[in-house]
Amino acid sequence: MTKVVRCRDVGFDCEGVVRAETEEEVLIQVAAHAKEVHGVEEVTPEIVEKVRSVMIVEA
């Protein structure tokens, strides 16, 4: 089961999509994307909760 986060669902005007096998992997990749593409310097607990709230599971 693959976990998926769409950047647009987090609130950015971005077509980025992160897919990984675990929630931890998704969070790591989302943090890297946020820093590299959107200039987010710190991933706060609020951002982590937002990402978790929009994460879906693909079969």
N, C-alpha and C. Protein backbone atom coordinates (compact mmCIF):
# COMPACT_ATOMS: atom_id res chain seq x y z
N MET A 1 0.85 -1.18 0.00
CA MET A 1 0.00 0.00 0.00
C MET A 1 0.90 1.25 0.00
N THR A 2 0.72 2.08 -0.98
CA THR A 2 1.53 3.28 -1.13
C THR A 2 0.82 4.48 -0.51
N LYS A 3 1.55 5.25 0.25
CA LYS A 3 1.02 6.47 0.84
C LYS A 3 1.33 7.62 -0.12
N VAL A 4 0.35 8.52 -0.30
CA VAL A 4 0.47 9.58 -1.30
C VAL A 4 0.06 10.92 -0.69
N VAL A 5 0.85 11.96 -1.00
CA VAL A 5 0.50 13.33 -0.62
C VAL A 5 0.65 14.20 -1.86
N ARG A 6 -0.39 14.95 -2.15
CA ARG A 6 -0.36 15.91 -3.26
C ARG A 6 -0.10 17.29 -2.67
N CYS A 7 0.89 17.95 -3.19
CA CYS A 7 1.30 19.26 -2.67
C CYS A 7 0.11 20.23 -2.64
N ARG A 8 -0.70 20.19 -3.68
CA ARG A 8 -1.86 21.09 -3.76
C ARG A 8 -2.79 20.89 -2.56
N ASP A 9 -2.91 19.63 -2.09
CA ASP A 9 -3.80 19.34 -0.96
C ASP A 9 -3.28 19.93 0.35
N VAL A 10 -1.97 20.19 0.40
CA VAL A 10 -1.37 20.80 1.59
C VAL A 10 -1.56 22.31 1.58
N GLY A 11 -1.85 22.87 0.39
CA GLY A 11 -2.12 24.30 0.30
C GLY A 11 -1.24 25.06 -0.66
N PHE A 12 -0.35 24.38 -1.35
CA PHE A 12 0.52 25.04 -2.31
C PHE A 12 -0.05 24.94 -3.72
N ASP A 13 0.21 25.94 -4.54
CA ASP A 13 -0.19 25.90 -5.94
C ASP A 13 0.91 25.16 -6.70
N CYS A 14 0.88 23.83 -6.60
CA CYS A 14 1.97 23.00 -7.09
C CYS A 14 1.41 21.64 -7.48
N GLU A 15 1.91 21.10 -8.57
CA GLU A 15 1.47 19.78 -9.04
C GLU A 15 2.28 18.64 -8.45
N GLY A 16 3.16 18.92 -7.49
CA GLY A 16 4.01 17.90 -6.90
C GLY A 16 3.21 16.81 -6.20
N VAL A 17 3.69 15.57 -6.35
CA VAL A 17 3.08 14.42 -5.70
C VAL A 17 4.20 13.57 -5.11
N VAL A 18 4.04 13.18 -3.86
CA VAL A 18 5.01 12.32 -3.19
C VAL A 18 4.35 10.98 -2.93
N ARG A 19 5.06 9.90 -3.30
CA ARG A 19 4.58 8.54 -3.04
C ARG A 19 5.70 7.77 -2.33
N ALA A 20 5.32 7.03 -1.30
CA ALA A 20 6.28 6.19 -0.58
C ALA A 20 5.54 5.08 0.13
N GLU A 21 6.28 4.09 0.57
CA GLU A 21 5.67 2.93 1.22
C GLU A 21 5.30 3.17 2.67
N THR A 22 5.99 4.11 3.33
CA THR A 22 5.69 4.37 4.73
C THR A 22 5.40 5.84 4.96
N GLU A 23 4.70 6.12 6.05
CA GLU A 23 4.41 7.51 6.41
C GLU A 23 5.71 8.27 6.65
N GLU A 24 6.66 7.64 7.31
CA GLU A 24 7.94 8.29 7.59
C GLU A 24 8.65 8.71 6.30
N GLU A 25 8.66 7.81 5.30
CA GLU A 25 9.29 8.13 4.02
C GLU A 25 8.57 9.29 3.33
N VAL A 26 7.26 9.30 3.39
CA VAL A 26 6.50 10.40 2.80
C VAL A 26 6.86 11.71 3.47
N LEU A 27 6.89 11.73 4.79
CA LEU A 27 7.19 12.96 5.52
C LEU A 27 8.59 13.47 5.18
N ILE A 28 9.55 12.58 5.05
CA ILE A 28 10.92 12.98 4.68
C ILE A 28 10.93 13.60 3.29
N GLN A 29 10.26 12.96 2.34
CA GLN A 29 10.23 13.46 0.98
C GLN A 29 9.46 14.78 0.87
N VAL A 30 8.36 14.88 1.60
CA VAL A 30 7.58 16.13 1.59
C VAL A 30 8.42 17.27 2.16
N ALA A 31 9.14 17.02 3.25
CA ALA A 31 9.99 18.06 3.84
C ALA A 31 11.05 18.52 2.86
N ALA A 32 11.68 17.58 2.15
CA ALA A 32 12.70 17.93 1.17
C ALA A 32 12.09 18.74 0.03
N HIS A 33 10.93 18.33 -0.45
CA HIS A 33 10.25 19.06 -1.53
C HIS A 33 9.89 20.47 -1.07
N ALA A 34 9.34 20.58 0.13
CA ALA A 34 8.93 21.89 0.66
C ALA A 34 10.12 22.84 0.75
N LYS A 35 11.26 22.33 1.16
CA LYS A 35 12.46 23.16 1.29
C LYS A 35 13.00 23.56 -0.08
N GLU A 36 13.15 22.57 -0.97
CA GLU A 36 13.76 22.81 -2.28
C GLU A 36 12.88 23.64 -3.21
N VAL A 37 11.59 23.35 -3.22
CA VAL A 37 10.70 23.98 -4.20
C VAL A 37 9.99 25.21 -3.65
N HIS A 38 9.62 25.16 -2.37
CA HIS A 38 8.80 26.22 -1.80
C HIS A 38 9.53 27.10 -0.78
N GLY A 39 10.79 26.81 -0.51
CA GLY A 39 11.57 27.63 0.41
C GLY A 39 11.16 27.51 1.87
N VAL A 40 10.50 26.42 2.22
CA VAL A 40 10.09 26.21 3.62
C VAL A 40 11.33 25.78 4.40
N GLU A 41 11.76 26.61 5.32
CA GLU A 41 12.98 26.33 6.08
C GLU A 41 12.76 25.35 7.23
N GLU A 42 11.59 25.42 7.85
CA GLU A 42 11.32 24.57 9.00
C GLU A 42 9.96 23.90 8.83
N VAL A 43 9.97 22.59 8.96
CA VAL A 43 8.71 21.84 8.92
C VAL A 43 8.21 21.74 10.35
N THR A 44 7.20 22.53 10.63
CA THR A 44 6.66 22.61 11.99
C THR A 44 5.72 21.43 12.27
N PRO A 45 5.41 21.20 13.53
CA PRO A 45 4.43 20.15 13.85
C PRO A 45 3.08 20.39 13.17
N GLU A 46 2.72 21.65 12.99
CA GLU A 46 1.47 21.97 12.30
C GLU A 46 1.49 21.52 10.85
N ILE A 47 2.64 21.71 10.19
CA ILE A 47 2.77 21.27 8.81
C ILE A 47 2.70 19.75 8.74
N VAL A 48 3.36 19.07 9.65
CA VAL A 48 3.33 17.61 9.68
C VAL A 48 1.90 17.12 9.84
N GLU A 49 1.13 17.74 10.73
CA GLU A 49 -0.25 17.33 10.93
C GLU A 49 -1.10 17.59 9.69
N LYS A 50 -0.85 18.70 9.01
CA LYS A 50 -1.57 19.00 7.76
C LYS A 50 -1.26 17.94 6.71
N VAL A 51 0.02 17.58 6.58
CA VAL A 51 0.40 16.55 5.62
C VAL A 51 -0.26 15.23 5.96
N ARG A 52 -0.24 14.86 7.23
CA ARG A 52 -0.88 13.60 7.64
C ARG A 52 -2.38 13.63 7.33
N SER A 53 -3.01 14.79 7.48
CA SER A 53 -4.46 14.88 7.29
C SER A 53 -4.87 14.72 5.84
N VAL A 54 -3.96 15.00 4.90
CA VAL A 54 -4.29 14.89 3.48
C VAL A 54 -3.69 13.65 2.83
N MET A 55 -2.92 12.87 3.58
CA MET A 55 -2.28 11.67 3.06
C MET A 55 -3.35 10.62 2.73
N ILE A 56 -3.21 10.04 1.54
CA ILE A 56 -4.12 8.97 1.15
C ILE A 56 -3.32 7.70 0.92
N VAL A 57 -4.03 6.58 0.81
CA VAL A 57 -3.39 5.29 0.57
C VAL A 57 -3.89 4.76 -0.76
N GLU A 58 -2.93 4.41 -1.63
CA GLU A 58 -3.26 3.79 -2.91
C GLU A 58 -2.98 2.30 -2.81
N ALA A 59 -3.85 1.51 -3.37
CA ALA A 59 -3.66 0.06 -3.34
C ALA A 59 -2.63 -0.37 -4.36
